[in-house]
Amino acid sequence: MRSYNYSFIKDHLRKKYRQKVSLTTVIHRAKEHGFYLQKPKRTLHDREVLTRYVGELIQHDSSFHLWAPAAQEKWYLITSLDDYSRLILYAALVKKETTWAHILALQTVFLRYGLPYCYYVDSHSIFRFVQGRDSNWRKHHLLTDEATPQWKQVLDDCNVKVTYALSPQAKGKMERPYGWLQDRLVRICVREDIADIKPAQQVLRQEIHRYNYRQVHSTTQEIPYFRFQRALKEKRSLFREFKISPLTSQLNSFSTVSSNLQKVN
């Protein structure tokens, strides 16, 4: 935690002590007692993708962090976020980051929301083969993107495109929710002395619900869920219904990758 979170204090007072206090009052008290810190200036991103439809671009990433300090071990937070609405479609804490964990995230999004147009990820080896970096354990003569990791194979089989971030700054839309979750999740886990991943996951669900259904996004000035629903009503969606039939291989992609991973394990 790098700073005080006055909104968290306001929410904590209302939830636990049933005391309704304005944010201005909390900040005023903080200034009186020397606990006030100016917000750092937001860094402008030199590369930022703009979308107009839900399902046009799904930002997918993971964050390795000490989410519950009492656990004395870091966990991975895997998330998928709709770029237009900023709705978090998937969020899960895992102790080990694996290809299968990321494929389960795909499965959850596809079955609940449908097949999006495109995923936006970094160049992690789970998502992309990069010549030189991954040559030590794969065919060394292959160039970048000439090999298809299993995660990308699922997307190819489902006819979903993949775009790779060209710079760390381009992932700014995903980093902001991570910062928001990191701040609140860590504080709650410390206060409640949480040391296990299961109760931490329950806290995460509560905070995701708050973010999706109650929090006004600082950029869009809308609550993500209502922005998402408005786009659906206005027919501005690129999600395709996930259908299973003998003529499609969508389900086979999940079962094939699952059996292959089980053989490896």
Protein backbone atom coordinates (compact mmCIF):
# COMPACT_ATOMS: atom_id res chain seq x y z
CA MET A 1 0.00 0.00 0.00
CA ARG A 2 1.50 3.27 -1.14
CA SER A 3 -0.99 5.80 0.17
CA TYR A 4 -4.03 6.36 2.37
CA ASN A 5 -7.38 5.48 0.84
CA TYR A 6 -10.02 7.86 2.14
CA SER A 7 -12.86 6.27 0.15
CA PHE A 8 -12.04 2.94 1.76
CA ILE A 9 -12.28 4.53 5.23
CA LYS A 10 -15.67 6.05 4.34
CA ASP A 11 -16.96 2.68 3.06
CA HIS A 12 -15.52 0.84 6.06
CA LEU A 13 -17.27 3.19 8.51
CA ARG A 14 -20.60 2.68 6.76
CA LYS A 15 -20.30 -1.10 6.40
CA LYS A 16 -18.89 -2.05 9.80
CA TYR A 17 -19.96 0.76 12.12
CA ARG A 18 -23.05 2.01 10.23
CA GLN A 19 -21.74 5.54 10.35
CA LYS A 20 -22.38 7.65 7.27
CA VAL A 21 -19.55 10.14 6.84
CA SER A 22 -18.80 12.20 3.75
CA LEU A 23 -15.50 11.81 1.94
CA THR A 24 -14.80 15.50 2.54
CA THR A 25 -15.07 14.95 6.31
CA VAL A 26 -12.69 11.97 6.18
CA ILE A 27 -10.12 13.99 4.23
CA HIS A 28 -10.55 16.95 6.61
CA ARG A 29 -9.87 14.69 9.62
CA ALA A 30 -6.86 13.21 7.84
CA LYS A 31 -5.42 16.69 7.29
CA GLU A 32 -6.02 17.59 10.94
CA HIS A 33 -4.04 14.58 12.16
CA GLY A 34 -1.29 14.67 9.53
CA PHE A 35 -2.47 11.64 7.51
CA TYR A 36 -3.18 13.44 4.25
CA LEU A 37 -1.20 12.66 1.11
CA GLN A 38 -1.58 14.37 -2.24
CA LYS A 39 -2.56 12.07 -5.09
CA PRO A 40 0.32 11.48 -7.51
CA LYS A 41 -0.15 12.86 -10.99
CA ARG A 42 -1.59 10.28 -13.35
CA THR A 43 0.85 9.14 -16.03
CA LEU A 44 -0.37 9.74 -19.56
CA HIS A 45 -0.18 6.62 -21.70
CA ASP A 46 1.42 7.01 -25.09
CA ARG A 47 -0.53 4.06 -26.50
CA GLU A 48 -4.17 3.57 -25.58
CA VAL A 49 -6.79 1.57 -27.44
CA LEU A 50 -10.24 3.14 -27.87
CA THR A 51 -13.28 0.92 -28.38
CA ARG A 52 -16.97 1.56 -29.11
CA TYR A 53 -18.51 -1.88 -28.55
CA VAL A 54 -18.68 -4.34 -25.68
CA GLY A 55 -16.85 -7.51 -26.63
CA GLU A 56 -14.67 -5.61 -29.09
CA LEU A 57 -11.60 -6.00 -26.90
CA ILE A 58 -11.09 -8.02 -23.72
CA GLN A 59 -8.06 -6.98 -21.69
CA HIS A 60 -6.65 -10.09 -20.02
CA ASP A 61 -3.76 -10.15 -17.58
CA SER A 62 -2.41 -11.45 -14.27
CA SER A 63 -0.85 -9.70 -11.28
CA PHE A 64 1.59 -11.36 -8.87
CA HIS A 65 1.22 -9.63 -5.51
CA LEU A 66 1.13 -10.11 -1.73
CA TRP A 67 -2.65 -9.84 -1.62
CA ALA A 68 -2.94 -11.14 1.96
CA PRO A 69 0.20 -10.22 3.96
CA ALA A 70 -0.68 -12.68 6.75
CA ALA A 71 -0.37 -15.54 4.23
CA GLN A 72 3.31 -14.65 3.75
CA GLU A 73 3.13 -15.74 0.12
CA LYS A 74 2.21 -14.02 -3.11
CA TRP A 75 -0.69 -15.17 -5.29
CA TYR A 76 -1.65 -14.50 -8.89
CA LEU A 77 -4.78 -12.51 -9.69
CA ILE A 78 -6.08 -13.41 -13.16
CA THR A 79 -8.61 -10.99 -14.63
CA SER A 80 -10.49 -10.28 -17.85
CA LEU A 81 -11.92 -6.80 -18.43
CA ASP A 82 -14.19 -5.53 -21.19
CA ASP A 83 -12.38 -2.53 -22.61
CA TYR A 84 -15.41 -0.42 -23.50
CA SER A 85 -17.54 -0.81 -20.35
CA ARG A 86 -14.63 -1.50 -17.95
CA LEU A 87 -16.72 -4.38 -16.58
CA ILE A 88 -14.54 -7.06 -14.97
CA LEU A 89 -15.77 -10.28 -16.57
CA TYR A 90 -13.50 -12.65 -14.66
CA ALA A 91 -11.32 -12.50 -11.55
CA ALA A 92 -9.69 -15.32 -9.61
CA LEU A 93 -6.79 -15.78 -7.22
CA VAL A 94 -4.50 -18.75 -7.90
CA LYS A 95 -1.35 -19.90 -6.18
CA LYS A 96 0.29 -20.97 -9.44
CA GLU A 97 -0.05 -19.36 -12.84
CA THR A 98 -0.61 -22.05 -15.46
CA THR A 99 -1.92 -22.28 -18.99
CA TRP A 100 -4.95 -24.17 -17.72
CA ALA A 101 -5.80 -21.40 -15.24
CA HIS A 102 -5.92 -18.91 -18.11
CA ILE A 103 -7.95 -21.31 -20.26
CA LEU A 104 -10.51 -21.61 -17.46
CA ALA A 105 -10.79 -17.83 -17.54
CA LEU A 106 -11.59 -18.04 -21.27
CA GLN A 107 -14.17 -20.72 -20.64
CA THR A 108 -15.93 -18.66 -17.97
CA VAL A 109 -16.15 -15.57 -20.19
CA PHE A 110 -17.25 -17.52 -23.28
CA LEU A 111 -20.02 -19.42 -21.50
CA ARG A 112 -21.35 -16.42 -19.58
CA TYR A 113 -21.01 -13.57 -22.06
CA GLY A 114 -20.26 -15.18 -25.42
CA LEU A 115 -17.31 -15.12 -27.78
CA PRO A 116 -15.69 -11.65 -28.01
CA TYR A 117 -14.06 -10.22 -31.09
CA CYS A 118 -10.52 -9.91 -29.70
CA TYR A 119 -8.34 -10.46 -26.61
CA TYR A 120 -5.62 -8.01 -25.61
CA VAL A 121 -2.66 -9.50 -23.73
CA ASP A 122 1.05 -9.01 -23.16
CA SER A 123 3.73 -11.27 -24.61
CA HIS A 124 3.90 -13.73 -21.70
CA SER A 125 4.97 -17.21 -22.87
CA ILE A 126 1.50 -18.56 -21.98
CA PHE A 127 0.00 -16.22 -24.59
CA ARG A 128 2.72 -15.92 -27.21
CA PHE A 129 5.78 -17.72 -28.57
CA VAL A 130 8.68 -15.30 -28.92
CA GLN A 131 11.74 -16.41 -30.88
CA GLY A 132 14.88 -16.32 -28.74
CA ARG A 133 13.11 -16.10 -25.40
CA ASP A 134 11.23 -19.40 -25.82
CA SER A 135 13.70 -21.10 -28.16
CA ASN A 136 15.43 -23.03 -25.39
CA TRP A 137 12.50 -25.37 -24.85
CA ARG A 138 10.84 -25.27 -28.28
CA LYS A 139 12.04 -25.78 -31.83
CA HIS A 140 14.77 -23.20 -32.08
CA HIS A 141 14.27 -22.52 -35.79
CA LEU A 142 10.73 -21.20 -35.36
CA LEU A 143 10.22 -17.44 -35.52
CA THR A 144 7.94 -15.37 -33.28
CA ASP A 145 4.29 -16.48 -33.59
CA GLU A 146 5.18 -19.51 -35.72
CA ALA A 147 4.34 -21.74 -32.75
CA THR A 148 0.88 -21.63 -31.16
CA PRO A 149 0.68 -21.88 -27.34
CA GLN A 150 -2.28 -23.88 -26.05
CA TRP A 151 -4.04 -20.77 -24.72
CA LYS A 152 -3.98 -19.18 -28.18
CA GLN A 153 -5.01 -22.46 -29.76
CA VAL A 154 -8.30 -22.27 -27.84
CA LEU A 155 -8.90 -18.76 -29.21
CA ASP A 156 -8.04 -19.85 -32.75
CA ASP A 157 -10.48 -22.76 -32.53
CA CYS A 158 -13.19 -20.36 -31.30
CA ASN A 159 -12.37 -17.79 -33.99
CA VAL A 160 -11.37 -15.09 -31.50
CA LYS A 161 -8.51 -12.77 -32.44
CA VAL A 162 -5.52 -11.87 -30.25
CA THR A 163 -3.70 -8.53 -30.07
CA TYR A 164 -0.45 -8.10 -28.16
CA ALA A 165 0.46 -4.95 -26.22
CA LEU A 166 3.44 -3.22 -27.79
CA SER A 167 4.46 -1.46 -24.57
CA PRO A 168 3.77 -1.69 -20.82
CA GLN A 169 2.04 1.71 -21.03
CA ALA A 170 -0.55 0.23 -23.38
CA LYS A 171 -1.89 -1.91 -20.53
CA GLY A 172 -2.91 1.13 -18.48
CA LYS A 173 -6.63 0.32 -18.50
CA MET A 174 -5.89 -3.00 -16.83
CA GLU A 175 -3.37 -1.59 -14.37
CA ARG A 176 -5.86 0.90 -12.90
CA PRO A 177 -8.36 -1.79 -11.78
CA TYR A 178 -5.41 -3.81 -10.44
CA GLY A 179 -4.34 -0.82 -8.39
CA TRP A 180 -7.89 -0.34 -7.10
CA LEU A 181 -8.27 -4.03 -6.19
CA GLN A 182 -4.78 -4.23 -4.74
CA ASP A 183 -5.45 -1.29 -2.46
CA ARG A 184 -8.81 -2.54 -1.14
CA LEU A 185 -8.09 -6.27 -1.07
CA VAL A 186 -4.85 -5.85 0.86
CA ARG A 187 -6.44 -3.52 3.42
CA ILE A 188 -9.38 -5.86 4.06
CA CYS A 189 -7.18 -8.96 4.30
CA VAL A 190 -4.98 -7.16 6.85
CA ARG A 191 -7.93 -5.97 8.95
CA GLU A 192 -9.56 -9.42 8.95
CA ASP A 193 -6.23 -11.26 9.39
CA ILE A 194 -6.86 -13.44 6.32
CA ALA A 195 -4.08 -15.93 5.66
CA ASP A 196 -5.73 -18.40 3.26
CA ILE A 197 -6.58 -18.02 -0.41
CA LYS A 198 -10.22 -19.17 -0.06
CA PRO A 199 -11.44 -16.37 2.25
CA ALA A 200 -9.32 -13.95 0.22
CA GLN A 201 -11.24 -15.10 -2.87
CA GLN A 202 -14.51 -14.32 -1.08
CA VAL A 203 -13.29 -10.81 -0.32
CA LEU A 204 -12.24 -10.48 -3.96
CA ARG A 205 -15.77 -11.41 -5.12
CA GLN A 206 -17.26 -8.75 -2.86
CA GLU A 207 -14.90 -6.09 -4.18
CA ILE A 208 -15.47 -7.13 -7.80
CA HIS A 209 -19.21 -6.82 -7.19
CA ARG A 210 -18.67 -3.34 -5.75
CA TYR A 211 -16.48 -2.34 -8.69
CA ASN A 212 -18.89 -3.68 -11.34
CA TYR A 213 -22.23 -2.64 -9.85
CA ARG A 214 -21.62 0.33 -7.54
CA GLN A 215 -18.38 2.11 -8.40
CA VAL A 216 -18.48 5.03 -10.82
CA HIS A 217 -15.47 4.63 -13.10
CA SER A 218 -13.15 7.64 -12.99
CA THR A 219 -12.67 7.72 -16.79
CA THR A 220 -16.09 6.79 -18.18
CA GLN A 221 -18.01 8.43 -15.30
CA GLU A 222 -20.39 5.46 -15.42
CA ILE A 223 -20.87 2.30 -13.38
CA PRO A 224 -19.36 -0.53 -15.50
CA TYR A 225 -22.41 -2.82 -15.35
CA PHE A 226 -24.84 -0.13 -16.49
CA ARG A 227 -22.48 1.00 -19.24
CA PHE A 228 -22.25 -2.63 -20.38
CA GLN A 229 -26.05 -3.09 -20.34
CA ARG A 230 -26.64 0.19 -22.18
CA ALA A 231 -24.33 -0.94 -24.97
CA LEU A 232 -26.25 -4.22 -25.26
CA LYS A 233 -29.59 -2.36 -25.50
CA GLU A 234 -28.14 -0.09 -28.18
CA LYS A 235 -27.01 -3.15 -30.17
CA ARG A 236 -23.35 -2.21 -29.71
CA SER A 237 -21.96 -5.63 -28.92
CA LEU A 238 -19.45 -7.85 -30.71
CA PHE A 239 -20.07 -10.85 -28.45
CA ARG A 240 -21.18 -13.94 -30.38
CA GLU A 241 -23.29 -16.63 -28.79
CA PHE A 242 -21.33 -19.72 -27.79
CA LYS A 243 -22.98 -22.65 -29.57
CA ILE A 244 -22.15 -26.33 -29.47
CA SER A 245 -22.97 -28.53 -32.46
CA PRO A 246 -21.39 -31.52 -34.27
CA LEU A 247 -20.21 -29.12 -36.97
CA THR A 248 -18.15 -26.94 -34.65
CA SER A 249 -14.96 -27.63 -32.74
CA GLN A 250 -15.40 -25.08 -29.95
CA LEU A 251 -16.03 -27.65 -27.22
CA ASN A 252 -13.34 -29.93 -28.60
CA SER A 253 -10.72 -27.23 -28.13
CA PHE A 254 -11.32 -27.20 -24.36
CA SER A 255 -11.38 -31.00 -24.02
CA THR A 256 -8.29 -31.46 -26.20
CA VAL A 257 -6.21 -28.95 -24.26
CA SER A 258 -7.50 -30.37 -20.97
CA SER A 259 -6.43 -33.92 -21.86
CA ASN A 260 -3.04 -32.70 -23.07
CA LEU A 261 -2.41 -30.79 -19.83
CA GLN A 262 -3.45 -33.78 -17.74
CA LYS A 263 -0.94 -35.96 -19.61
CA VAL A 264 1.81 -33.40 -18.96
CA ASN A 265 0.93 -33.21 -15.26
